[in-house]
Amino acid sequence: MSKEYYRKKIVELRASIAREKEAKKRDNANYARWIKNASSPSTKAGYRKSKIDAAARHDRQIEYYKRQIESTKDSLRRCR
């Protein structure tokens, strides 16, 4: 693969991280609103659990993108 391919891939992965962070913020705000407006304690508890799960899912995805960036950087170094 060419150096330009790896550079482009790094840029795309960084953009993916930014999109994932925005999605995390959006989901967090939605869950906060749902928790605030929930009518029963059991519903609130369910939303809280879902909020934690969603945040963890976003964090895992962000870490995956970071690992991909490191791998791509290593490939770029080998290419030179």
C-alpha atoms as a PDB file:
ATOM      1  CA  MET A   1       0.000   0.000   0.000  1.00  0.00           C
ATOM      2  CA  SER A   2       1.138   3.550  -0.609  1.00  0.00           C
ATOM      3  CA  LYS A   3       2.017   6.124   1.998  1.00  0.00           C
ATOM      4  CA  GLU A   4      -0.860   8.271   0.812  1.00  0.00           C
ATOM      5  CA  TYR A   5      -3.304   5.427   1.464  1.00  0.00           C
ATOM      6  CA  TYR A   6      -2.174   5.153   5.088  1.00  0.00           C
ATOM      7  CA  ARG A   7      -2.268   8.915   5.600  1.00  0.00           C
ATOM      8  CA  LYS A   8      -5.793   9.070   4.221  1.00  0.00           C
ATOM      9  CA  LYS A   9      -6.854   6.159   6.417  1.00  0.00           C
ATOM     10  CA  ILE A  10      -5.522   7.933   9.528  1.00  0.00           C
ATOM     11  CA  VAL A  11      -7.508  11.052   8.646  1.00  0.00           C
ATOM     12  CA  GLU A  12     -10.644   8.970   8.139  1.00  0.00           C
ATOM     13  CA  LEU A  13     -10.151   7.172  11.468  1.00  0.00           C
ATOM     14  CA  ARG A  14      -9.713  10.488  13.286  1.00  0.00           C
ATOM     15  CA  ALA A  15     -12.941  11.707  11.711  1.00  0.00           C
ATOM     16  CA  SER A  16     -14.617   8.489  12.871  1.00  0.00           C
ATOM     17  CA  ILE A  17     -13.460   9.177  16.428  1.00  0.00           C
ATOM     18  CA  ALA A  18     -14.936  12.677  16.253  1.00  0.00           C
ATOM     19  CA  ARG A  19     -18.244  11.299  14.941  1.00  0.00           C
ATOM     20  CA  GLU A  20     -18.332   8.670  17.678  1.00  0.00           C
ATOM     21  CA  LYS A  21     -17.716  11.297  20.374  1.00  0.00           C
ATOM     22  CA  GLU A  22     -20.575  13.391  19.004  1.00  0.00           C
ATOM     23  CA  ALA A  23     -22.839  10.334  18.939  1.00  0.00           C
ATOM     24  CA  LYS A  24     -21.895   9.617  22.555  1.00  0.00           C
ATOM     25  CA  LYS A  25     -22.816  13.165  23.584  1.00  0.00           C
ATOM     26  CA  ARG A  26     -26.099  12.979  21.695  1.00  0.00           C
ATOM     27  CA  ASP A  27     -27.032   9.605  23.206  1.00  0.00           C
ATOM     28  CA  ASN A  28     -26.048  10.793  26.673  1.00  0.00           C
ATOM     29  CA  ALA A  29     -28.293  13.856  26.352  1.00  0.00           C
ATOM     30  CA  ASN A  30     -31.182  11.734  25.082  1.00  0.00           C
ATOM     31  CA  TYR A  31     -30.886   9.259  27.943  1.00  0.00           C
ATOM     32  CA  ALA A  32     -30.643  12.100  30.478  1.00  0.00           C
ATOM     33  CA  ARG A  33     -33.854  13.587  29.091  1.00  0.00           C
ATOM     34  CA  TRP A  34     -35.591  10.207  29.150  1.00  0.00           C
ATOM     35  CA  ILE A  35     -34.483   9.575  32.741  1.00  0.00           C
ATOM     36  CA  LYS A  36     -35.717  12.994  33.792  1.00  0.00           C
ATOM     37  CA  ASN A  37     -39.126  12.479  32.160  1.00  0.00           C
ATOM     38  CA  ALA A  38     -39.599   8.832  33.173  1.00  0.00           C
ATOM     39  CA  SER A  39     -42.756   8.225  35.160  1.00  0.00           C
ATOM     40  CA  SER A  40     -41.835   5.143  37.177  1.00  0.00           C
ATOM     41  CA  PRO A  41     -38.722   4.215  39.155  1.00  0.00           C
ATOM     42  CA  SER A  42     -38.307   0.960  37.225  1.00  0.00           C
ATOM     43  CA  THR A  43     -38.341   2.847  33.922  1.00  0.00           C
ATOM     44  CA  LYS A  44     -35.744   5.272  35.256  1.00  0.00           C
ATOM     45  CA  ALA A  45     -33.552   2.373  36.361  1.00  0.00           C
ATOM     46  CA  GLY A  46     -33.848   0.794  32.926  1.00  0.00           C
ATOM     47  CA  TYR A  47     -32.877   4.044  31.214  1.00  0.00           C
ATOM     48  CA  ARG A  48     -29.919   4.468  33.569  1.00  0.00           C
ATOM     49  CA  LYS A  49     -28.686   0.980  32.733  1.00  0.00           C
ATOM     50  CA  SER A  50     -29.146   1.625  29.024  1.00  0.00           C
ATOM     51  CA  LYS A  51     -27.298   4.940  29.345  1.00  0.00           C
ATOM     52  CA  ILE A  52     -24.311   3.215  30.963  1.00  0.00           C
ATOM     53  CA  ASP A  53     -24.325   0.460  28.335  1.00  0.00           C
ATOM     54  CA  ALA A  54     -24.508   2.964  25.474  1.00  0.00           C
ATOM     55  CA  ALA A  55     -21.630   5.038  26.899  1.00  0.00           C
ATOM     56  CA  ALA A  56     -19.521   1.897  27.293  1.00  0.00           C
ATOM     57  CA  ARG A  57     -20.308   0.859  23.717  1.00  0.00           C
ATOM     58  CA  HIS A  58     -19.192   4.268  22.427  1.00  0.00           C
ATOM     59  CA  ASP A  59     -16.022   4.084  24.534  1.00  0.00           C
ATOM     60  CA  ARG A  60     -15.187   0.652  23.131  1.00  0.00           C
ATOM     61  CA  GLN A  61     -15.684   1.930  19.597  1.00  0.00           C
ATOM     62  CA  ILE A  62     -13.441   4.946  20.244  1.00  0.00           C
ATOM     63  CA  GLU A  63     -10.730   2.675  21.652  1.00  0.00           C
ATOM     64  CA  TYR A  64     -11.059   0.448  18.570  1.00  0.00           C
ATOM     65  CA  TYR A  65     -10.487   3.453  16.301  1.00  0.00           C
ATOM     66  CA  LYS A  66      -7.451   4.484  18.379  1.00  0.00           C
ATOM     67  CA  ARG A  67      -5.976   0.996  18.021  1.00  0.00           C
ATOM     68  CA  GLN A  68      -6.622   1.145  14.280  1.00  0.00           C
ATOM     69  CA  ILE A  69      -4.778   4.475  14.077  1.00  0.00           C
ATOM     70  CA  GLU A  70      -1.772   3.022  15.894  1.00  0.00           C
ATOM     71  CA  SER A  71      -1.774   0.002  13.593  1.00  0.00           C
ATOM     72  CA  THR A  72      -1.982   2.236  10.544  1.00  0.00           C
ATOM     73  CA  LYS A  73       0.874   4.391  11.833  1.00  0.00           C
ATOM     74  CA  ASP A  74       2.993   1.259  12.250  1.00  0.00           C
ATOM     75  CA  SER A  75       2.156   0.207   8.697  1.00  0.00           C
ATOM     76  CA  LEU A  76       3.082   3.671   7.458  1.00  0.00           C
ATOM     77  CA  ARG A  77       6.453   3.454   9.216  1.00  0.00           C
ATOM     78  CA  ARG A  78       7.141   0.058   7.622  1.00  0.00           C
ATOM     79  CA  CYS A  79       6.223   1.459   4.224  1.00  0.00           C
ATOM     80  CA  ARG A  80       9.011   4.040   4.305  1.00  0.00           C
END
